[in-house]
Amino acid sequence: MKMIIAVINNDDSAAASAALSRSGFWVTKLSTTGGYLMVGNSTFLIGTEDERVDEALEVLSKHCSARKQKTAGRFSLGKGLVNDSVVEEVTVGGAVVFVMSVDRTEHL
């Protein structure tokens, strides 16, 4: 048995969750925050048999694409002044995935 923990962008969350469910995976979704932009993410917990891990990763790969996004940058002009008008291009999306072995599981 394996536990897949996948941290994905909120924009990809609904499509990824629906695709995993259609493929027969049970998904628990947690709302999380982090990363460079400190924006909302979704963390999926997916318990599955060893032989289905690659299938789950393929579904996530199809629905969690990395892309460029423009965002207001923040840099200091000195003496505490901040200019919010500079636009930065950052990469968002994609997924960070951890696959761990599960020694025991019980349904109580």
C-alpha atoms as a PDB file:
ATOM      1  CA  MET A   1       0.000   0.000   0.000  1.00  0.00           C
ATOM      2  CA  LYS A   2       1.200   3.533  -0.792  1.00  0.00           C
ATOM      3  CA  MET A   3       0.213   6.997   0.375  1.00  0.00           C
ATOM      4  CA  ILE A   4       0.509   9.707  -2.253  1.00  0.00           C
ATOM      5  CA  ILE A   5       0.652  13.270  -0.966  1.00  0.00           C
ATOM      6  CA  ALA A   6       0.253  15.778  -3.796  1.00  0.00           C
ATOM      7  CA  VAL A   7       0.472  19.550  -3.293  1.00  0.00           C
ATOM      8  CA  ILE A   8      -1.147  21.313  -6.243  1.00  0.00           C
ATOM      9  CA  ASN A   9      -2.321  24.783  -7.227  1.00  0.00           C
ATOM     10  CA  ASN A  10      -5.940  25.592  -6.312  1.00  0.00           C
ATOM     11  CA  ASP A  11      -6.645  26.378  -9.977  1.00  0.00           C
ATOM     12  CA  ASP A  12      -5.914  22.731 -10.843  1.00  0.00           C
ATOM     13  CA  SER A  13      -7.645  21.235  -7.812  1.00  0.00           C
ATOM     14  CA  ALA A  14     -11.172  20.629  -9.100  1.00  0.00           C
ATOM     15  CA  ALA A  15     -10.119  19.049 -12.402  1.00  0.00           C
ATOM     16  CA  ALA A  16      -7.479  16.860 -10.756  1.00  0.00           C
ATOM     17  CA  SER A  17      -9.836  15.703  -8.012  1.00  0.00           C
ATOM     18  CA  ALA A  18     -12.597  14.865 -10.484  1.00  0.00           C
ATOM     19  CA  ALA A  19     -10.191  12.966 -12.766  1.00  0.00           C
ATOM     20  CA  LEU A  20      -8.782  10.959  -9.860  1.00  0.00           C
ATOM     21  CA  SER A  21     -12.294  10.073  -8.690  1.00  0.00           C
ATOM     22  CA  ARG A  22     -13.326   9.005 -12.210  1.00  0.00           C
ATOM     23  CA  SER A  23     -10.270   6.748 -12.264  1.00  0.00           C
ATOM     24  CA  GLY A  24     -11.391   5.069  -9.051  1.00  0.00           C
ATOM     25  CA  PHE A  25      -9.068   6.753  -6.557  1.00  0.00           C
ATOM     26  CA  TRP A  26     -10.278   7.916  -3.152  1.00  0.00           C
ATOM     27  CA  VAL A  27      -9.019  11.449  -2.524  1.00  0.00           C
ATOM     28  CA  THR A  28      -8.973  13.496   0.668  1.00  0.00           C
ATOM     29  CA  LYS A  29      -8.428  17.194  -0.063  1.00  0.00           C
ATOM     30  CA  LEU A  30      -6.840  19.574   2.440  1.00  0.00           C
ATOM     31  CA  SER A  31      -6.708  23.349   1.938  1.00  0.00           C
ATOM     32  CA  THR A  32      -3.127  24.545   2.407  1.00  0.00           C
ATOM     33  CA  THR A  33      -1.098  27.705   1.853  1.00  0.00           C
ATOM     34  CA  GLY A  34       2.519  28.156   0.926  1.00  0.00           C
ATOM     35  CA  GLY A  35       5.080  28.698  -1.765  1.00  0.00           C
ATOM     36  CA  TYR A  36       6.583  31.858  -3.192  1.00  0.00           C
ATOM     37  CA  LEU A  37       3.249  33.611  -3.738  1.00  0.00           C
ATOM     38  CA  MET A  38       1.784  32.437  -0.406  1.00  0.00           C
ATOM     39  CA  VAL A  39      -1.427  31.529  -2.238  1.00  0.00           C
ATOM     40  CA  GLY A  40      -3.856  28.727  -1.601  1.00  0.00           C
ATOM     41  CA  ASN A  41      -2.938  25.208  -2.574  1.00  0.00           C
ATOM     42  CA  SER A  42      -4.694  21.912  -2.240  1.00  0.00           C
ATOM     43  CA  THR A  43      -2.985  18.927  -0.701  1.00  0.00           C
ATOM     44  CA  PHE A  44      -4.415  15.583  -1.757  1.00  0.00           C
ATOM     45  CA  LEU A  45      -4.023  12.426   0.302  1.00  0.00           C
ATOM     46  CA  ILE A  46      -4.443   9.375  -1.922  1.00  0.00           C
ATOM     47  CA  GLY A  47      -4.133   5.860  -0.528  1.00  0.00           C
ATOM     48  CA  THR A  48      -3.672   3.240  -3.228  1.00  0.00           C
ATOM     49  CA  GLU A  49      -2.240  -0.142  -4.060  1.00  0.00           C
ATOM     50  CA  ASP A  50       1.425  -0.222  -5.115  1.00  0.00           C
ATOM     51  CA  GLU A  51       0.594  -1.164  -8.700  1.00  0.00           C
ATOM     52  CA  ARG A  52      -1.709   1.884  -9.187  1.00  0.00           C
ATOM     53  CA  VAL A  53       0.806   4.589  -8.178  1.00  0.00           C
ATOM     54  CA  ASP A  54       1.955   5.261 -11.750  1.00  0.00           C
ATOM     55  CA  GLU A  55      -1.659   5.573 -12.885  1.00  0.00           C
ATOM     56  CA  ALA A  56      -2.385   8.167 -10.178  1.00  0.00           C
ATOM     57  CA  LEU A  57       0.752  10.119 -11.092  1.00  0.00           C
ATOM     58  CA  GLU A  58      -0.276  10.098 -14.742  1.00  0.00           C
ATOM     59  CA  VAL A  59      -3.708  11.542 -13.872  1.00  0.00           C
ATOM     60  CA  LEU A  60      -2.081  14.251 -11.747  1.00  0.00           C
ATOM     61  CA  SER A  61       0.394  15.037 -14.516  1.00  0.00           C
ATOM     62  CA  LYS A  62      -2.408  15.556 -17.044  1.00  0.00           C
ATOM     63  CA  HIS A  63      -4.368  17.927 -14.800  1.00  0.00           C
ATOM     64  CA  CYS A  64      -1.672  19.867 -12.920  1.00  0.00           C
ATOM     65  CA  SER A  65       0.242  21.781 -15.553  1.00  0.00           C
ATOM     66  CA  ALA A  66       2.903  24.372 -14.766  1.00  0.00           C
ATOM     67  CA  ARG A  67       2.339  27.739 -16.430  1.00  0.00           C
ATOM     68  CA  LYS A  68       3.544  31.335 -16.290  1.00  0.00           C
ATOM     69  CA  GLN A  69       1.473  33.951 -14.459  1.00  0.00           C
ATOM     70  CA  LYS A  70       2.037  37.666 -14.037  1.00  0.00           C
ATOM     71  CA  THR A  71       1.795  39.068 -10.551  1.00  0.00           C
ATOM     72  CA  ALA A  72       2.459  42.397  -8.905  1.00  0.00           C
ATOM     73  CA  GLY A  73       5.992  42.336  -7.560  1.00  0.00           C
ATOM     74  CA  ARG A  74       7.155  44.105  -4.431  1.00  0.00           C
ATOM     75  CA  PHE A  75      10.536  45.703  -4.120  1.00  0.00           C
ATOM     76  CA  SER A  76      11.898  48.381  -1.847  1.00  0.00           C
ATOM     77  CA  LEU A  77      12.856  51.825  -3.114  1.00  0.00           C
ATOM     78  CA  GLY A  78      14.845  52.446   0.068  1.00  0.00           C
ATOM     79  CA  LYS A  79      13.943  54.032   3.405  1.00  0.00           C
ATOM     80  CA  GLY A  80      10.863  51.802   3.710  1.00  0.00           C
ATOM     81  CA  LEU A  81       9.214  52.863   0.447  1.00  0.00           C
ATOM     82  CA  VAL A  82       7.685  50.063  -1.590  1.00  0.00           C
ATOM     83  CA  ASN A  83       6.752  50.111  -5.283  1.00  0.00           C
ATOM     84  CA  ASP A  84       3.851  47.737  -6.042  1.00  0.00           C
ATOM     85  CA  SER A  85       3.641  48.612  -9.736  1.00  0.00           C
ATOM     86  CA  VAL A  86       6.341  46.253 -11.026  1.00  0.00           C
ATOM     87  CA  VAL A  87       4.940  43.105 -12.657  1.00  0.00           C
ATOM     88  CA  GLU A  88       6.825  39.829 -12.275  1.00  0.00           C
ATOM     89  CA  GLU A  89       6.297  36.629 -14.218  1.00  0.00           C
ATOM     90  CA  VAL A  90       6.348  33.513 -12.045  1.00  0.00           C
ATOM     91  CA  THR A  91       5.700  29.825 -12.653  1.00  0.00           C
ATOM     92  CA  VAL A  92       2.560  28.449 -10.982  1.00  0.00           C
ATOM     93  CA  GLY A  93       0.801  25.129 -11.149  1.00  0.00           C
ATOM     94  CA  GLY A  94       2.360  21.754 -11.474  1.00  0.00           C
ATOM     95  CA  ALA A  95       2.491  19.440  -8.493  1.00  0.00           C
ATOM     96  CA  VAL A  96       4.865  18.369  -5.782  1.00  0.00           C
ATOM     97  CA  VAL A  97       4.233  14.701  -5.081  1.00  0.00           C
ATOM     98  CA  PHE A  98       5.466  12.425  -2.325  1.00  0.00           C
ATOM     99  CA  VAL A  99       4.936   8.649  -2.458  1.00  0.00           C
ATOM    100  CA  MET A 100       5.364   6.780   0.812  1.00  0.00           C
ATOM    101  CA  SER A 101       5.007   3.179   1.859  1.00  0.00           C
ATOM    102  CA  VAL A 102       2.198   2.378   4.300  1.00  0.00           C
ATOM    103  CA  ASP A 103       2.912  -0.410   6.760  1.00  0.00           C
ATOM    104  CA  ARG A 104      -0.633  -0.735   8.009  1.00  0.00           C
ATOM    105  CA  THR A 105      -4.077   0.625   7.288  1.00  0.00           C
ATOM    106  CA  GLU A 106      -7.348   0.093   9.119  1.00  0.00           C
ATOM    107  CA  HIS A 107     -10.915   1.228   8.567  1.00  0.00           C
ATOM    108  CA  LEU A 108     -12.531   1.790  11.974  1.00  0.00           C
END
